């Protein structure tokens, strides 16, 4: 699947999910790109899992077992076999991703978020304990490079318009001008 097709497919599902969940579509799309390798990962292909959420004791749905690399000390990686959540569709994966973000206090900062990309991406970095230090920066880069805020609609203060070129993105920022004060006589 081409990158633009992946963005459009996931973007439309993420936009619909955002209306229910309050999780910005741009963040969902960026995480789907990063976690699934543009939908090409083993989990995305075999389990419709775009986000690689592990199936712990709270999960009662389908699972998919695979080897994965874990970094427990921030430096060295260890290969382990783990169970991951599996889904019937990417839409189901997106809905569960949002539900997952709603669990616990540590994701409260991304629910209903309307701030700028840089402010938004940092809390999502805490989604898992073994994420690389540059995870937030990767999300920011994807959101900005591909104009993903276009899928946020009214949730964003800025309106992003994508041109026909995947290399050019225009951002319109509306500025409210104050009327000059009337002189007092």
N, C-alpha and C. Protein backbone atom coordinates (compact mmCIF):
# COMPACT_ATOMS: atom_id res chain seq x y z
N UNK A 1 0.85 -1.17 0.00
CA UNK A 1 0.00 0.00 0.00
C UNK A 1 0.90 1.24 0.00
N UNK A 2 0.56 2.20 -0.85
CA UNK A 2 1.32 3.44 -0.91
C UNK A 2 1.06 4.27 0.34
N UNK A 3 2.02 5.15 0.66
CA UNK A 3 1.91 5.96 1.87
C UNK A 3 0.64 6.81 1.88
N UNK A 4 0.33 7.50 0.78
CA UNK A 4 -0.85 8.36 0.74
C UNK A 4 -2.12 7.53 0.91
N UNK A 5 -2.16 6.35 0.33
CA UNK A 5 -3.32 5.47 0.47
C UNK A 5 -3.47 5.02 1.91
N UNK A 6 -2.35 4.69 2.55
CA UNK A 6 -2.38 4.31 3.96
C UNK A 6 -2.91 5.47 4.80
N UNK A 7 -2.39 6.67 4.57
CA UNK A 7 -2.83 7.83 5.33
C UNK A 7 -4.32 8.06 5.14
N UNK A 8 -4.80 7.98 3.92
CA UNK A 8 -6.23 8.20 3.66
C UNK A 8 -7.09 7.13 4.32
N UNK A 9 -6.67 5.88 4.23
CA UNK A 9 -7.44 4.78 4.82
C UNK A 9 -7.50 4.90 6.33
N UNK A 10 -6.34 5.03 6.96
CA UNK A 10 -6.29 5.14 8.41
C UNK A 10 -6.85 6.49 8.85
N UNK A 11 -6.59 7.53 8.06
CA UNK A 11 -7.04 8.87 8.41
C UNK A 11 -8.55 8.98 8.52
N UNK A 12 -9.26 8.40 7.58
CA UNK A 12 -10.72 8.46 7.63
C UNK A 12 -11.26 7.72 8.86
N UNK A 13 -10.71 6.55 9.14
CA UNK A 13 -11.13 5.80 10.34
C UNK A 13 -10.77 6.55 11.61
N UNK A 14 -9.59 7.16 11.63
CA UNK A 14 -9.14 7.91 12.81
C UNK A 14 -9.99 9.16 13.02
N UNK A 15 -10.39 9.82 11.93
CA UNK A 15 -11.24 11.00 12.04
C UNK A 15 -12.60 10.63 12.64
N UNK A 16 -13.18 9.54 12.16
CA UNK A 16 -14.47 9.09 12.71
C UNK A 16 -14.33 8.71 14.17
N UNK A 17 -13.24 8.02 14.50
CA UNK A 17 -13.00 7.62 15.88
C UNK A 17 -12.80 8.84 16.77
N UNK A 18 -12.12 9.87 16.27
CA UNK A 18 -11.86 11.08 17.04
C UNK A 18 -13.16 11.73 17.50
N UNK A 19 -14.19 11.68 16.66
CA UNK A 19 -15.47 12.28 17.01
C UNK A 19 -16.08 11.62 18.25
N UNK A 20 -15.80 10.33 18.44
CA UNK A 20 -16.31 9.59 19.60
C UNK A 20 -15.36 9.64 20.78
N UNK A 21 -14.06 9.52 20.50
CA UNK A 21 -13.08 9.30 21.57
C UNK A 21 -12.39 10.57 22.05
N UNK A 22 -12.30 11.58 21.20
CA UNK A 22 -11.56 12.79 21.56
C UNK A 22 -10.07 12.68 21.34
N UNK A 23 -9.59 11.57 20.80
CA UNK A 23 -8.16 11.41 20.51
C UNK A 23 -7.91 11.96 19.11
N UNK A 24 -7.03 12.94 18.99
CA UNK A 24 -6.78 13.56 17.69
C UNK A 24 -6.42 12.54 16.63
N UNK A 25 -7.05 12.67 15.47
CA UNK A 25 -6.78 11.77 14.36
C UNK A 25 -5.32 11.83 13.93
N UNK A 26 -4.72 13.01 13.96
CA UNK A 26 -3.32 13.15 13.54
C UNK A 26 -2.40 12.30 14.40
N UNK A 27 -2.66 12.26 15.70
CA UNK A 27 -1.85 11.43 16.59
C UNK A 27 -2.05 9.95 16.30
N UNK A 28 -3.31 9.56 16.10
CA UNK A 28 -3.62 8.15 15.80
C UNK A 28 -2.93 7.72 14.51
N UNK A 29 -3.02 8.56 13.48
CA UNK A 29 -2.39 8.22 12.19
C UNK A 29 -0.88 8.11 12.34
N UNK A 30 -0.27 9.08 13.01
CA UNK A 30 1.19 9.05 13.19
C UNK A 30 1.62 7.81 13.95
N UNK A 31 0.90 7.46 15.00
CA UNK A 31 1.26 6.25 15.75
C UNK A 31 1.06 5.00 14.91
N UNK A 32 0.00 4.97 14.09
CA UNK A 32 -0.22 3.82 13.20
C UNK A 32 0.92 3.68 12.20
N UNK A 33 1.37 4.80 11.65
CA UNK A 33 2.51 4.77 10.71
C UNK A 33 3.74 4.23 11.41
N UNK A 34 4.04 4.79 12.56
CA UNK A 34 5.26 4.44 13.28
C UNK A 34 5.22 2.99 13.79
N UNK A 35 4.12 2.61 14.38
CA UNK A 35 4.03 1.28 15.01
C UNK A 35 3.86 0.15 14.00
N UNK A 36 3.23 0.44 12.84
CA UNK A 36 2.94 -0.63 11.88
C UNK A 36 3.83 -0.58 10.64
N UNK A 37 4.73 0.39 10.58
CA UNK A 37 5.57 0.51 9.38
C UNK A 37 4.72 0.71 8.13
N UNK A 38 3.79 1.68 8.22
CA UNK A 38 2.89 1.99 7.11
C UNK A 38 1.99 0.79 6.78
N UNK A 39 1.63 0.01 7.78
CA UNK A 39 0.73 -1.12 7.58
C UNK A 39 1.40 -2.37 7.07
N UNK A 40 2.72 -2.40 7.08
CA UNK A 40 3.45 -3.55 6.53
C UNK A 40 3.96 -4.51 7.60
N UNK A 41 3.82 -4.16 8.88
CA UNK A 41 4.35 -5.02 9.93
C UNK A 41 3.60 -6.35 9.99
N UNK A 42 4.22 -7.32 10.60
CA UNK A 42 3.61 -8.64 10.80
C UNK A 42 2.29 -8.51 11.54
N UNK A 43 2.26 -7.68 12.58
CA UNK A 43 1.02 -7.50 13.35
C UNK A 43 -0.08 -6.84 12.52
N UNK A 44 0.26 -5.85 11.72
CA UNK A 44 -0.74 -5.18 10.89
C UNK A 44 -1.28 -6.14 9.83
N UNK A 45 -0.39 -6.92 9.25
CA UNK A 45 -0.79 -7.83 8.17
C UNK A 45 -1.55 -9.06 8.68
N UNK A 46 -1.11 -9.64 9.79
CA UNK A 46 -1.68 -10.91 10.25
C UNK A 46 -2.70 -10.78 11.39
N UNK A 47 -2.72 -9.62 12.06
CA UNK A 47 -3.61 -9.46 13.21
C UNK A 47 -4.39 -8.14 13.16
N UNK A 48 -4.30 -7.41 12.04
CA UNK A 48 -4.95 -6.09 11.90
C UNK A 48 -4.62 -5.18 13.07
N UNK A 49 -3.45 -5.34 13.66
CA UNK A 49 -3.02 -4.57 14.82
C UNK A 49 -2.06 -3.48 14.37
N UNK A 50 -2.55 -2.25 14.37
CA UNK A 50 -1.73 -1.13 13.90
C UNK A 50 -0.81 -0.57 14.98
N UNK A 51 -1.08 -0.87 16.26
CA UNK A 51 -0.36 -0.18 17.33
C UNK A 51 0.48 -1.10 18.22
N UNK A 52 0.46 -2.37 18.01
CA UNK A 52 1.29 -3.28 18.79
C UNK A 52 0.99 -3.26 20.27
N UNK A 53 -0.30 -3.20 20.63
CA UNK A 53 -0.67 -3.20 22.05
C UNK A 53 -0.63 -4.63 22.56
N UNK A 54 0.10 -4.84 23.62
CA UNK A 54 0.23 -6.19 24.18
C UNK A 54 -1.08 -6.63 24.83
N UNK A 55 -1.32 -7.92 24.78
CA UNK A 55 -2.52 -8.52 25.37
C UNK A 55 -2.19 -8.98 26.78
N UNK A 56 -2.47 -8.14 27.75
CA UNK A 56 -2.24 -8.53 29.14
C UNK A 56 -3.51 -9.14 29.72
N UNK A 57 -3.55 -9.31 31.01
CA UNK A 57 -4.69 -9.95 31.68
C UNK A 57 -6.01 -9.23 31.52
N UNK A 58 -5.98 -7.93 31.19
CA UNK A 58 -7.22 -7.17 31.00
C UNK A 58 -7.86 -7.44 29.65
N UNK A 59 -7.13 -8.03 28.71
CA UNK A 59 -7.61 -8.24 27.35
C UNK A 59 -8.29 -9.59 27.22
N UNK A 60 -9.52 -9.59 26.71
CA UNK A 60 -10.26 -10.85 26.56
C UNK A 60 -10.54 -11.18 25.09
N UNK A 61 -10.00 -10.37 24.18
CA UNK A 61 -10.21 -10.58 22.75
C UNK A 61 -9.19 -11.52 22.15
N UNK A 62 -9.14 -11.51 20.81
CA UNK A 62 -8.20 -12.35 20.07
C UNK A 62 -6.77 -11.89 20.34
N UNK A 63 -5.84 -12.83 20.22
CA UNK A 63 -4.42 -12.51 20.41
C UNK A 63 -3.59 -13.06 19.26
N UNK A 64 -2.39 -12.52 19.16
CA UNK A 64 -1.42 -12.95 18.17
C UNK A 64 -0.08 -13.05 18.87
N UNK A 65 0.58 -14.20 18.75
CA UNK A 65 1.86 -14.42 19.41
C UNK A 65 3.00 -14.18 18.43
N UNK A 66 4.01 -13.43 18.88
CA UNK A 66 5.18 -13.21 18.03
C UNK A 66 6.39 -12.82 18.87
N UNK A 67 7.55 -13.02 18.29
CA UNK A 67 8.77 -12.57 18.94
C UNK A 67 8.88 -11.07 18.76
N UNK A 68 9.41 -10.41 19.77
CA UNK A 68 9.58 -8.97 19.74
C UNK A 68 10.84 -8.58 20.50
N UNK A 69 11.34 -7.41 20.23
CA UNK A 69 12.51 -6.88 20.92
C UNK A 69 12.06 -5.96 22.04
N UNK A 70 12.54 -6.18 23.24
CA UNK A 70 12.23 -5.33 24.38
C UNK A 70 13.52 -4.72 24.91
N UNK A 71 13.43 -3.48 25.32
CA UNK A 71 14.58 -2.79 25.90
C UNK A 71 14.21 -2.40 27.32
N UNK A 72 14.74 -3.11 28.29
CA UNK A 72 14.39 -2.89 29.69
C UNK A 72 15.32 -1.91 30.40
N UNK A 73 16.53 -1.73 29.87
CA UNK A 73 17.49 -0.86 30.54
C UNK A 73 17.80 0.41 29.74
N UNK A 74 17.08 0.61 28.63
CA UNK A 74 17.30 1.80 27.81
C UNK A 74 18.43 1.67 26.81
N UNK A 75 19.14 0.53 26.82
CA UNK A 75 20.29 0.36 25.95
C UNK A 75 20.26 -0.97 25.20
N UNK A 76 20.11 -2.06 25.94
CA UNK A 76 20.21 -3.40 25.38
C UNK A 76 18.84 -3.99 25.07
N UNK A 77 18.74 -4.66 23.92
CA UNK A 77 17.48 -5.28 23.50
C UNK A 77 17.53 -6.78 23.74
N UNK A 78 16.40 -7.33 24.16
CA UNK A 78 16.25 -8.76 24.41
C UNK A 78 15.08 -9.26 23.59
N UNK A 79 15.23 -10.44 22.97
CA UNK A 79 14.14 -11.03 22.21
C UNK A 79 13.26 -11.85 23.14
N UNK A 80 11.95 -11.58 23.10
CA UNK A 80 10.97 -12.31 23.90
C UNK A 80 9.79 -12.66 23.02
N UNK A 81 9.02 -13.67 23.40
CA UNK A 81 7.78 -14.00 22.73
C UNK A 81 6.65 -13.39 23.55
N UNK A 82 5.80 -12.63 22.88
CA UNK A 82 4.73 -11.91 23.58
C UNK A 82 3.40 -12.08 22.84
N UNK A 83 2.31 -11.91 23.58
CA UNK A 83 0.98 -11.91 23.00
C UNK A 83 0.56 -10.47 22.75
N UNK A 84 0.01 -10.23 21.57
CA UNK A 84 -0.47 -8.91 21.19
C UNK A 84 -1.96 -8.98 20.89
N UNK A 85 -2.64 -7.86 21.08
CA UNK A 85 -4.06 -7.79 20.76
C UNK A 85 -4.24 -7.93 19.25
N UNK A 86 -5.25 -8.71 18.85
CA UNK A 86 -5.56 -8.93 17.43
C UNK A 86 -6.99 -8.47 17.16
N UNK A 87 -7.25 -8.06 15.93
CA UNK A 87 -8.53 -7.46 15.57
C UNK A 87 -9.05 -8.02 14.25
N UNK A 88 -10.32 -7.77 14.01
CA UNK A 88 -10.95 -8.18 12.75
C UNK A 88 -10.69 -7.17 11.64
N UNK A 89 -10.38 -5.91 12.01
CA UNK A 89 -10.15 -4.85 11.02
C UNK A 89 -9.26 -3.77 11.61
N UNK A 90 -8.76 -2.90 10.74
CA UNK A 90 -7.98 -1.76 11.20
C UNK A 90 -8.87 -0.78 11.96
N UNK A 91 -10.13 -0.65 11.56
CA UNK A 91 -11.05 0.23 12.29
C UNK A 91 -11.18 -0.22 13.74
N UNK A 92 -11.27 -1.53 13.95
CA UNK A 92 -11.36 -2.08 15.30
C UNK A 92 -10.07 -1.79 16.08
N UNK A 93 -8.94 -1.89 15.41
CA UNK A 93 -7.66 -1.60 16.04
C UNK A 93 -7.59 -0.13 16.47
N UNK A 94 -8.07 0.77 15.62
CA UNK A 94 -8.07 2.20 15.93
C UNK A 94 -8.98 2.49 17.12
N UNK A 95 -10.17 1.89 17.14
CA UNK A 95 -11.10 2.09 18.25
C UNK A 95 -10.50 1.58 19.56
N UNK A 96 -9.82 0.44 19.52
CA UNK A 96 -9.21 -0.10 20.74
C UNK A 96 -8.03 0.76 21.18
N UNK A 97 -7.29 1.30 20.24
CA UNK A 97 -6.18 2.21 20.56
C UNK A 97 -6.70 3.39 21.37
N UNK A 98 -7.80 3.98 20.92
CA UNK A 98 -8.39 5.11 21.64
C UNK A 98 -8.90 4.67 23.01
N UNK A 99 -9.55 3.51 23.07
CA UNK A 99 -10.04 3.01 24.36
C UNK A 99 -8.86 2.76 25.29
N UNK A 100 -7.76 2.26 24.75
CA UNK A 100 -6.55 2.00 25.53
C UNK A 100 -6.00 3.31 26.11
N UNK A 101 -6.01 4.37 25.30
CA UNK A 101 -5.54 5.67 25.77
C UNK A 101 -6.44 6.23 26.88
N UNK A 102 -7.70 5.84 26.88
CA UNK A 102 -8.65 6.30 27.90
C UNK A 102 -8.45 5.60 29.25
N UNK A 103 -7.72 4.50 29.27
CA UNK A 103 -7.54 3.76 30.52
C UNK A 103 -6.46 4.41 31.37
N UNK A 104 -6.75 4.61 32.62
CA UNK A 104 -5.75 5.14 33.54
C UNK A 104 -5.49 6.62 33.36
N UNK A 105 -4.84 7.20 34.32
CA UNK A 105 -4.54 8.63 34.32
C UNK A 105 -3.38 9.01 33.42
N UNK A 106 -2.51 8.05 33.09
CA UNK A 106 -1.30 8.44 32.39
C UNK A 106 -1.55 8.88 30.96
N UNK A 107 -2.77 8.64 30.41
CA UNK A 107 -3.08 9.07 29.04
C UNK A 107 -4.06 10.23 29.02
N UNK A 108 -4.45 10.74 30.16
CA UNK A 108 -5.45 11.81 30.23
C UNK A 108 -5.04 13.03 29.41
N UNK A 109 -3.75 13.29 29.28
CA UNK A 109 -3.27 14.48 28.58
C UNK A 109 -3.55 14.44 27.07
N UNK A 110 -3.82 13.27 26.49
CA UNK A 110 -4.07 13.21 25.05
C UNK A 110 -5.55 13.14 24.71
N UNK A 111 -6.42 12.95 25.68
CA UNK A 111 -7.84 12.85 25.41
C UNK A 111 -8.43 14.25 25.27
N UNK A 112 -9.06 14.51 24.14
CA UNK A 112 -9.66 15.81 23.89
C UNK A 112 -8.65 16.91 23.66
N UNK A 113 -7.40 16.55 23.45
CA UNK A 113 -6.30 17.51 23.26
C UNK A 113 -6.51 18.32 22.00
N UNK A 114 -6.26 19.62 22.09
CA UNK A 114 -6.39 20.52 20.94
C UNK A 114 -5.15 21.38 20.77
N UNK A 115 -4.11 21.11 21.53
CA UNK A 115 -2.91 21.95 21.49
C UNK A 115 -2.07 21.66 20.26
N UNK A 116 -0.97 22.36 20.15
CA UNK A 116 -0.08 22.19 19.00
C UNK A 116 0.54 20.80 18.99
N UNK A 117 1.06 20.43 17.85
CA UNK A 117 1.65 19.11 17.66
C UNK A 117 2.74 18.82 18.68
N UNK A 118 3.64 19.75 18.91
CA UNK A 118 4.75 19.50 19.83
C UNK A 118 4.26 19.29 21.25
N UNK A 119 3.24 20.01 21.67
CA UNK A 119 2.69 19.82 23.01
C UNK A 119 1.94 18.50 23.09
N UNK A 120 1.31 18.11 22.01
CA UNK A 120 0.49 16.91 21.99
C UNK A 120 1.32 15.63 22.01
N UNK A 121 2.35 15.57 21.23
CA UNK A 121 3.08 14.32 21.05
C UNK A 121 3.83 13.87 22.30
N UNK A 122 4.26 14.78 23.12
CA UNK A 122 5.06 14.41 24.28
C UNK A 122 4.34 13.48 25.25
N UNK A 123 3.07 13.73 25.65
CA UNK A 123 2.41 12.79 26.56
C UNK A 123 2.24 11.40 25.95
N UNK A 124 2.03 11.32 24.64
CA UNK A 124 1.80 10.02 24.03
C UNK A 124 3.05 9.15 24.07
N UNK A 125 4.20 9.77 24.27
CA UNK A 125 5.46 9.03 24.37
C UNK A 125 5.42 8.05 25.53
N UNK A 126 4.57 8.34 26.51
CA UNK A 126 4.48 7.47 27.68
C UNK A 126 3.57 6.27 27.47
N UNK A 127 3.11 6.04 26.24
CA UNK A 127 2.18 4.94 25.99
C UNK A 127 2.74 3.61 26.45
N UNK A 128 4.00 3.41 26.35
CA UNK A 128 4.62 2.16 26.81
C UNK A 128 5.90 2.52 27.55
N UNK A 129 6.37 1.60 28.36
CA UNK A 129 7.54 1.91 29.17
C UNK A 129 8.85 1.69 28.42
N UNK A 130 8.84 0.94 27.34
CA UNK A 130 10.07 0.64 26.63
C UNK A 130 10.20 1.39 25.30
N UNK A 131 9.68 2.62 25.22
CA UNK A 131 9.78 3.38 23.98
C UNK A 131 11.13 4.09 23.88
N UNK A 132 11.65 4.20 22.67
CA UNK A 132 12.88 4.96 22.49
C UNK A 132 12.69 6.42 22.89
N UNK A 133 13.76 7.07 23.29
CA UNK A 133 13.69 8.45 23.74
C UNK A 133 13.18 9.41 22.66
N UNK A 134 13.40 9.07 21.40
CA UNK A 134 13.01 9.99 20.33
C UNK A 134 11.62 9.70 19.77
N UNK A 135 10.80 8.93 20.48
CA UNK A 135 9.47 8.56 19.99
C UNK A 135 8.59 9.79 19.72
N UNK A 136 8.53 10.71 20.66
CA UNK A 136 7.70 11.91 20.49
C UNK A 136 8.17 12.71 19.28
N UNK A 137 9.48 12.83 19.10
CA UNK A 137 10.00 13.58 17.97
C UNK A 137 9.62 12.91 16.64
N UNK A 138 9.59 11.59 16.62
CA UNK A 138 9.19 10.86 15.41
C UNK A 138 7.72 11.13 15.11
N UNK A 139 6.87 11.14 16.14
CA UNK A 139 5.46 11.44 15.93
C UNK A 139 5.29 12.86 15.37
N UNK A 140 5.98 13.80 15.97
CA UNK A 140 5.90 15.19 15.53
C UNK A 140 6.32 15.29 14.07
N UNK A 141 7.41 14.65 13.72
CA UNK A 141 7.92 14.70 12.35
C UNK A 141 6.89 14.14 11.36
N UNK A 142 6.28 13.01 11.70
CA UNK A 142 5.28 12.42 10.82
C UNK A 142 4.06 13.33 10.67
N UNK A 143 3.58 13.88 11.78
CA UNK A 143 2.42 14.76 11.75
C UNK A 143 2.70 15.98 10.87
N UNK A 144 3.87 16.57 11.03
CA UNK A 144 4.22 17.77 10.27
C UNK A 144 4.55 17.44 8.81
N UNK A 145 5.31 16.38 8.57
CA UNK A 145 5.75 16.05 7.20
C UNK A 145 4.59 15.68 6.29
N UNK A 146 3.59 15.01 6.82
CA UNK A 146 2.48 14.53 6.00
C UNK A 146 1.19 15.32 6.20
N UNK A 147 1.26 16.44 6.91
CA UNK A 147 0.08 17.29 7.08
C UNK A 147 -1.08 16.58 7.73
N UNK A 148 -0.80 15.74 8.73
CA UNK A 148 -1.83 14.90 9.32
C UNK A 148 -2.88 15.67 10.11
N UNK A 149 -2.57 16.93 10.48
CA UNK A 149 -3.57 17.71 11.21
C UNK A 149 -4.79 18.01 10.34
N UNK A 150 -4.69 17.81 9.03
CA UNK A 150 -5.85 17.99 8.15
C UNK A 150 -6.99 17.07 8.57
N UNK A 151 -6.67 15.93 9.18
CA UNK A 151 -7.69 14.98 9.62
C UNK A 151 -8.31 15.35 10.96
N UNK A 152 -7.75 16.36 11.63
CA UNK A 152 -8.28 16.78 12.92
C UNK A 152 -9.48 17.70 12.79
N UNK A 153 -9.68 18.28 11.62
CA UNK A 153 -10.84 19.13 11.39
C UNK A 153 -10.95 20.24 12.41
N UNK A 154 -12.12 20.37 13.01
CA UNK A 154 -12.40 21.44 13.96
C UNK A 154 -11.64 21.30 15.27
N UNK A 155 -11.01 20.15 15.52
CA UNK A 155 -10.27 19.95 16.76
C UNK A 155 -9.01 20.81 16.80
N UNK A 156 -8.49 21.20 15.65
CA UNK A 156 -7.26 21.99 15.60
C UNK A 156 -7.59 23.45 15.37
N UNK A 157 -6.79 24.34 15.88
CA UNK A 157 -6.96 25.77 15.66
C UNK A 157 -6.42 26.17 14.30
N UNK A 158 -5.47 25.40 13.80
CA UNK A 158 -4.89 25.67 12.49
C UNK A 158 -5.53 24.75 11.48
N UNK A 159 -5.72 25.24 10.26
CA UNK A 159 -6.27 24.44 9.18
C UNK A 159 -5.13 24.13 8.23
N UNK A 160 -4.88 22.85 7.99
CA UNK A 160 -3.82 22.47 7.09
C UNK A 160 -4.42 21.98 5.78
N UNK A 161 -3.91 22.48 4.69
CA UNK A 161 -4.40 22.09 3.37
C UNK A 161 -3.26 21.42 2.64
N UNK A 162 -3.51 20.22 2.14
CA UNK A 162 -2.47 19.50 1.42
C UNK A 162 -2.60 19.80 -0.07
N UNK A 163 -1.48 20.07 -0.72
CA UNK A 163 -1.49 20.29 -2.15
C UNK A 163 -1.47 18.95 -2.86
N UNK A 164 -1.43 18.96 -4.19
CA UNK A 164 -1.34 17.71 -4.94
C UNK A 164 0.02 17.05 -4.76
N UNK A 165 1.00 17.79 -4.33
CA UNK A 165 2.33 17.24 -4.09
C UNK A 165 2.43 16.77 -2.65
N UNK A 166 2.98 15.60 -2.44
CA UNK A 166 3.15 15.11 -1.08
C UNK A 166 4.27 15.84 -0.35
N UNK A 167 4.99 16.70 -1.07
CA UNK A 167 6.11 17.41 -0.46
C UNK A 167 5.73 18.81 0.04
N UNK A 168 4.54 19.30 -0.34
CA UNK A 168 4.16 20.65 0.00
C UNK A 168 2.91 20.64 0.86
N UNK A 169 2.96 21.32 1.98
CA UNK A 169 1.80 21.49 2.86
C UNK A 169 1.68 22.96 3.20
N UNK A 170 0.48 23.49 3.08
CA UNK A 170 0.21 24.88 3.42
C UNK A 170 -0.59 24.90 4.71
N UNK A 171 -0.28 25.81 5.59
CA UNK A 171 -1.03 25.97 6.82
C UNK A 171 -1.61 27.36 6.87
N UNK A 172 -2.95 27.45 6.98
CA UNK A 172 -3.63 28.73 7.10
C UNK A 172 -3.88 28.98 8.58
N UNK A 173 -3.46 30.12 9.04
CA UNK A 173 -3.70 30.49 10.43
C UNK A 173 -4.55 31.75 10.41
N UNK A 174 -5.74 31.67 11.00
CA UNK A 174 -6.58 32.86 11.02
C UNK A 174 -6.18 33.75 12.17
N UNK A 175 -6.06 35.02 11.86
CA UNK A 175 -5.66 36.01 12.86
C UNK A 175 -6.82 36.97 13.04
N UNK A 176 -7.24 37.13 14.25
CA UNK A 176 -8.32 38.06 14.55
C UNK A 176 -7.69 39.42 14.83
N UNK A 177 -8.07 40.41 14.04
CA UNK A 177 -7.53 41.75 14.23
C UNK A 177 -8.45 42.54 15.14
N UNK A 178 -7.86 43.27 16.05
CA UNK A 178 -8.64 44.12 16.94
C UNK A 178 -9.01 45.39 16.20
N UNK A 179 -10.21 45.84 16.44
CA UNK A 179 -10.64 47.11 15.89
C UNK A 179 -9.95 48.21 16.68
N UNK A 180 -9.52 49.28 16.00
CA UNK A 180 -8.89 50.35 16.75
C UNK A 180 -9.88 50.96 17.75
N UNK A 181 -9.37 51.31 18.88
CA UNK A 181 -10.22 51.91 19.91
C UNK A 181 -10.72 53.26 19.44
N UNK A 182 -11.96 53.54 19.78
CA UNK A 182 -12.53 54.85 19.42
C UNK A 182 -11.97 55.88 20.39
N UNK A 183 -11.58 57.03 19.84
CA UNK A 183 -11.03 58.05 20.74
C UNK A 183 -12.10 58.56 21.67
N UNK A 184 -11.69 58.85 22.90
CA UNK A 184 -12.60 59.43 23.90
C UNK A 184 -12.49 60.94 23.83
N UNK A 185 -13.59 61.60 23.73
CA UNK A 185 -13.60 63.08 23.70
C UNK A 185 -14.25 63.61 24.91
